[in-house]
Amino acid sequence: MALCDVCGNDYDKAFRVTKGDKTMTFDSFECAIHAMAPRCAHCECHVIGHGVEAQGKIYCCAHCAKHEGVKGLSDRAA
């Protein structure tokens, strides 16, 4: 069994996620998201989808990016 790096649960179905040079062990996707998902530069929610990126920052949506002064992004295709 393996210990989750977030909650410490010793779980027989744990899995590992590698992001860049960092590898962590988790017992659930919830713990993986908590530890590894980026946070929106405006509202600080975990970005678990594609999000949007502008000026070196990631946002959960174009709405949040707009609040930070980013122009030209849209949540929907024209």
C-alpha atoms as a PDB file:
ATOM      1  CA  MET A   1       0.000   0.000   0.000  1.00  0.00           C
ATOM      2  CA  ALA A   2       1.039   3.623  -0.382  1.00  0.00           C
ATOM      3  CA  LEU A   3       0.500   6.744   1.691  1.00  0.00           C
ATOM      4  CA  CYS A   4      -1.278   9.738   0.168  1.00  0.00           C
ATOM      5  CA  ASP A   5       1.000  12.790   0.274  1.00  0.00           C
ATOM      6  CA  VAL A   6      -1.970  15.047   1.134  1.00  0.00           C
ATOM      7  CA  CYS A   7      -4.121  13.202   3.676  1.00  0.00           C
ATOM      8  CA  GLY A   8      -1.814  10.385   4.760  1.00  0.00           C
ATOM      9  CA  ASN A   9      -4.319   7.634   3.973  1.00  0.00           C
ATOM     10  CA  ASP A  10      -2.631   4.258   3.424  1.00  0.00           C
ATOM     11  CA  TYR A  11      -4.508   2.988   0.357  1.00  0.00           C
ATOM     12  CA  ASP A  12      -4.051  -0.069  -1.859  1.00  0.00           C
ATOM     13  CA  LYS A  13      -5.272   1.789  -4.963  1.00  0.00           C
ATOM     14  CA  ALA A  14      -3.082   4.875  -4.581  1.00  0.00           C
ATOM     15  CA  PHE A  15      -1.632   6.416  -7.730  1.00  0.00           C
ATOM     16  CA  ARG A  16       1.243   8.715  -8.603  1.00  0.00           C
ATOM     17  CA  VAL A  17       1.135  11.949 -10.599  1.00  0.00           C
ATOM     18  CA  THR A  18       4.184  13.620 -12.079  1.00  0.00           C
ATOM     19  CA  LYS A  19       4.198  17.314 -12.987  1.00  0.00           C
ATOM     20  CA  GLY A  20       7.551  18.503 -14.255  1.00  0.00           C
ATOM     21  CA  ASP A  21      10.138  17.096 -11.879  1.00  0.00           C
ATOM     22  CA  LYS A  22       7.685  16.639  -8.979  1.00  0.00           C
ATOM     23  CA  THR A  23       6.007  13.256  -8.365  1.00  0.00           C
ATOM     24  CA  MET A  24       3.419  12.773  -5.641  1.00  0.00           C
ATOM     25  CA  THR A  25       1.257   9.873  -4.432  1.00  0.00           C
ATOM     26  CA  PHE A  26      -2.504  10.255  -3.905  1.00  0.00           C
ATOM     27  CA  ASP A  27      -5.433   8.162  -2.750  1.00  0.00           C
ATOM     28  CA  SER A  28      -8.008  10.237  -4.682  1.00  0.00           C
ATOM     29  CA  PHE A  29      -8.334  12.781  -7.453  1.00  0.00           C
ATOM     30  CA  GLU A  30      -9.568  15.224  -4.811  1.00  0.00           C
ATOM     31  CA  CYS A  31      -6.189  15.087  -3.042  1.00  0.00           C
ATOM     32  CA  ALA A  32      -4.335  15.313  -6.371  1.00  0.00           C
ATOM     33  CA  ILE A  33      -6.284  18.437  -7.347  1.00  0.00           C
ATOM     34  CA  HIS A  34      -5.709  19.996  -3.938  1.00  0.00           C
ATOM     35  CA  ALA A  35      -1.950  19.490  -4.192  1.00  0.00           C
ATOM     36  CA  MET A  36      -1.177  19.972  -7.874  1.00  0.00           C
ATOM     37  CA  ALA A  37      -3.837  21.989  -9.694  1.00  0.00           C
ATOM     38  CA  PRO A  38      -2.938  25.608 -10.356  1.00  0.00           C
ATOM     39  CA  ARG A  39      -5.060  28.322  -8.762  1.00  0.00           C
ATOM     40  CA  CYS A  40      -6.849  31.088 -10.622  1.00  0.00           C
ATOM     41  CA  ALA A  41      -4.903  34.358 -10.365  1.00  0.00           C
ATOM     42  CA  HIS A  42      -8.183  36.210  -9.672  1.00  0.00           C
ATOM     43  CA  CYS A  43     -10.531  34.054  -7.564  1.00  0.00           C
ATOM     44  CA  GLU A  44      -7.969  31.459  -6.396  1.00  0.00           C
ATOM     45  CA  CYS A  45     -10.167  28.441  -7.200  1.00  0.00           C
ATOM     46  CA  HIS A  46      -8.381  25.296  -8.390  1.00  0.00           C
ATOM     47  CA  VAL A  47      -8.207  25.203 -12.185  1.00  0.00           C
ATOM     48  CA  ILE A  48      -9.141  21.612 -13.018  1.00  0.00           C
ATOM     49  CA  GLY A  49     -10.041  22.197 -16.652  1.00  0.00           C
ATOM     50  CA  HIS A  50      -8.083  23.936 -19.374  1.00  0.00           C
ATOM     51  CA  GLY A  51      -8.508  27.413 -17.924  1.00  0.00           C
ATOM     52  CA  VAL A  52      -7.125  30.396 -19.820  1.00  0.00           C
ATOM     53  CA  GLU A  53      -3.652  31.852 -19.698  1.00  0.00           C
ATOM     54  CA  ALA A  54      -2.585  35.442 -20.250  1.00  0.00           C
ATOM     55  CA  GLN A  55       0.506  37.464 -19.378  1.00  0.00           C
ATOM     56  CA  GLY A  56       2.082  34.483 -17.595  1.00  0.00           C
ATOM     57  CA  LYS A  57      -0.898  33.895 -15.293  1.00  0.00           C
ATOM     58  CA  ILE A  58      -3.594  31.215 -15.377  1.00  0.00           C
ATOM     59  CA  TYR A  59      -7.272  31.909 -14.794  1.00  0.00           C
ATOM     60  CA  CYS A  60     -10.218  29.554 -14.398  1.00  0.00           C
ATOM     61  CA  CYS A  61     -12.168  31.489 -17.043  1.00  0.00           C
ATOM     62  CA  ALA A  62     -12.125  34.567 -19.272  1.00  0.00           C
ATOM     63  CA  HIS A  63     -14.438  36.343 -16.812  1.00  0.00           C
ATOM     64  CA  CYS A  64     -11.768  36.219 -14.079  1.00  0.00           C
ATOM     65  CA  ALA A  65      -9.044  37.229 -16.530  1.00  0.00           C
ATOM     66  CA  LYS A  66     -11.154  40.247 -17.558  1.00  0.00           C
ATOM     67  CA  HIS A  67     -11.419  41.311 -13.886  1.00  0.00           C
ATOM     68  CA  GLU A  68      -7.607  41.366 -13.809  1.00  0.00           C
ATOM     69  CA  GLY A  69      -7.477  43.663 -16.853  1.00  0.00           C
ATOM     70  CA  VAL A  70      -6.864  41.042 -19.558  1.00  0.00           C
ATOM     71  CA  LYS A  71      -8.529  41.917 -22.842  1.00  0.00           C
ATOM     72  CA  GLY A  72      -9.472  39.772 -25.831  1.00  0.00           C
ATOM     73  CA  LEU A  73     -10.319  36.473 -24.149  1.00  0.00           C
ATOM     74  CA  SER A  74     -13.689  34.775 -24.475  1.00  0.00           C
ATOM     75  CA  ASP A  75     -15.209  31.758 -22.722  1.00  0.00           C
ATOM     76  CA  ARG A  76     -17.108  30.866 -25.914  1.00  0.00           C
ATOM     77  CA  ALA A  77     -16.047  30.624 -29.535  1.00  0.00           C
ATOM     78  CA  ALA A  78     -17.584  33.186 -31.846  1.00  0.00           C
END
